[in-house]
Protein backbone atom coordinates (compact mmCIF):
# COMPACT_ATOMS: atom_id res chain seq x y z
CA MET A 1 0.03 0.01 0.02
CA LEU A 2 1.06 3.66 -0.59
CA GLU A 3 2.23 5.58 2.25
CA GLU A 4 0.31 8.61 3.51
CA GLY A 5 3.03 10.97 2.02
CA SER A 6 1.82 9.80 -1.43
CA SER A 7 -1.75 10.98 -0.81
CA ILE A 8 -0.18 14.40 0.18
CA VAL A 9 2.00 14.43 -2.98
CA PHE A 10 -1.07 13.55 -5.32
CA ALA A 11 -3.09 16.38 -3.70
CA MET A 12 -0.28 18.67 -4.23
CA VAL A 13 0.23 17.88 -7.83
CA ASP A 14 -3.43 17.90 -8.55
CA GLY A 15 -3.53 21.46 -7.25
CA LYS A 16 -0.10 22.68 -8.69
CA GLU A 17 0.14 20.97 -11.88
CA PHE A 18 -3.28 21.33 -13.08
CA LEU A 19 -3.42 24.94 -12.48
CA GLY A 20 -7.18 25.23 -13.38
CA GLN A 21 -6.76 22.90 -16.66
CA LYS A 22 -8.68 19.65 -17.04
CA SER A 23 -5.81 17.68 -17.87
CA LEU A 24 -2.25 16.83 -17.41
CA ALA A 25 0.36 15.99 -20.20
CA LEU A 26 0.69 12.26 -20.50
CA ASP A 27 4.41 12.38 -20.28
CA THR A 28 4.27 14.62 -17.20
CA ALA A 29 1.64 12.09 -15.54
CA ILE A 30 3.83 9.19 -16.36
CA GLY A 31 6.91 10.71 -14.93
CA MET A 32 5.13 11.63 -11.80
CA TRP A 33 3.47 8.27 -11.48
CA GLN A 34 6.88 6.57 -11.80
CA LEU A 35 8.24 8.66 -8.85
CA LEU A 36 5.15 8.53 -6.60
CA PHE A 37 5.00 4.59 -6.95
CA ALA A 38 8.90 4.00 -6.78
CA GLU A 39 10.18 0.98 -5.21
CA LYS A 40 6.99 -1.02 -6.31
CA GLN A 41 4.64 0.41 -4.05
CA TRP A 42 2.12 -0.35 -6.76
CA PRO A 43 3.23 -3.32 -8.77
CA LEU A 44 1.10 -2.55 -11.81
CA VAL A 45 2.76 1.10 -12.45
CA ASP A 46 4.95 -0.19 -15.52
CA HIS A 47 1.87 -2.03 -16.94
CA TRP A 48 -0.34 1.17 -16.34
CA CYS A 49 2.51 3.47 -18.09
CA GLN A 50 2.84 1.00 -20.89
CA PHE A 51 -0.84 0.68 -21.47
CA LEU A 52 -1.15 4.47 -21.53
CA GLN A 53 1.61 4.93 -24.07
CA ALA A 54 0.15 1.98 -26.28
CA ARG A 55 -3.65 2.62 -26.11
CA HIS A 56 -4.22 6.09 -24.81
CA ASN A 57 -1.56 8.46 -25.94
CA LYS A 58 -3.29 11.50 -24.65
CA ALA A 59 -3.40 13.73 -21.77
CA ILE A 60 -4.54 12.55 -18.52
CA SER A 61 -7.92 13.79 -17.03
CA ARG A 62 -7.92 15.53 -13.49
CA ASP A 63 -10.52 12.62 -12.77
CA THR A 64 -8.25 9.88 -13.66
CA TRP A 65 -5.33 11.44 -11.95
CA SER A 66 -7.29 11.66 -8.72
CA GLN A 67 -8.99 8.35 -8.87
CA LEU A 68 -5.74 6.40 -9.80
CA LEU A 69 -4.58 6.72 -6.15
CA GLU A 70 -7.81 5.37 -4.69
CA PHE A 71 -7.77 2.67 -7.27
CA THR A 72 -4.43 1.58 -6.05
CA LYS A 73 -5.41 1.63 -2.43
CA THR A 74 -8.70 -0.26 -3.01
CA VAL A 75 -8.21 -2.77 -5.84
CA ASP A 76 -5.81 -5.53 -5.25
CA PHE A 77 -2.81 -5.69 -7.72
CA THR A 78 -4.30 -8.97 -8.89
CA LEU A 79 -7.50 -7.11 -9.78
CA SER A 80 -9.29 -9.96 -8.33
CA ASN A 81 -11.74 -7.34 -6.37
CA TYR A 82 -12.04 -5.07 -9.35
CA ASP A 83 -15.86 -4.17 -9.68
CA VAL A 84 -16.60 -3.97 -13.42
CA ASP A 85 -19.83 -1.90 -12.29
CA GLY A 86 -17.70 0.60 -9.95
CA ALA A 87 -17.60 4.24 -10.70
CA TRP A 88 -13.95 4.32 -12.06
CA PRO A 89 -13.00 6.57 -14.87
CA HIS A 90 -13.21 5.01 -18.22
CA LEU A 91 -9.47 4.86 -18.59
CA ILE A 92 -9.03 2.82 -15.42
CA ASP A 93 -11.91 0.41 -16.74
CA GLU A 94 -9.96 0.20 -20.11
CA PHE A 95 -6.66 -0.69 -18.33
CA VAL A 96 -8.18 -3.78 -16.45
CA GLU A 97 -9.60 -4.84 -19.52
CA TYR A 98 -6.19 -4.63 -21.26
CA MET A 99 -4.58 -6.65 -18.29
CA ASN A 100 -7.20 -9.33 -18.79
CA GLU A 101 -7.02 -9.30 -22.56
CA ASN A 102 -3.02 -9.51 -22.62
CA GLY A 103 -2.86 -12.27 -19.85
CA PHE A 104 -1.29 -10.04 -17.39
CA ILE A 105 -3.63 -11.18 -14.84
CA GLN A 106 -4.90 -14.65 -14.33
CA LYS A 107 -8.36 -15.29 -13.08
CA GLY A 108 -8.25 -16.56 -9.36
CA TYR A 109 -4.35 -15.77 -8.99
CA GLN A 110 -3.78 -15.47 -5.28
CA SER A 111 -0.08 -15.53 -4.85
CA LYS A 112 1.57 -12.85 -2.67
CA ASP A 113 4.25 -12.74 -5.20
CA TRP A 114 3.42 -9.55 -7.30
CA SER A 115 5.46 -10.62 -10.24
CA LEU A 116 2.88 -10.89 -13.15
CA LYS A 117 2.49 -13.12 -15.86
CA ARG A 118 4.53 -11.60 -18.87
């Protein structure tokens, strides 16, 4: 799980980087996420960034930016407790779909080892 400090940094970036805008440049967001999730605090950060570059390649909305931290705190890295009917931003829903389609997540995967199938 992420430390409390990460929540504060997310909020600071939300207020400072967006500066009244509705989106954040993709390369800026990816750089920030890689720093904030350093040391594998969220094992899926590399998959998330690869997904964004391959499938999204657009600016990140404020909603996605702020909801990703909540997603990492509430949804297990195996995505086993992900609720398809939940109120996540569409981009996060697409990420989960991408992970399943590409075999990175195996249904019923319960291991504590977070190294995912590649």
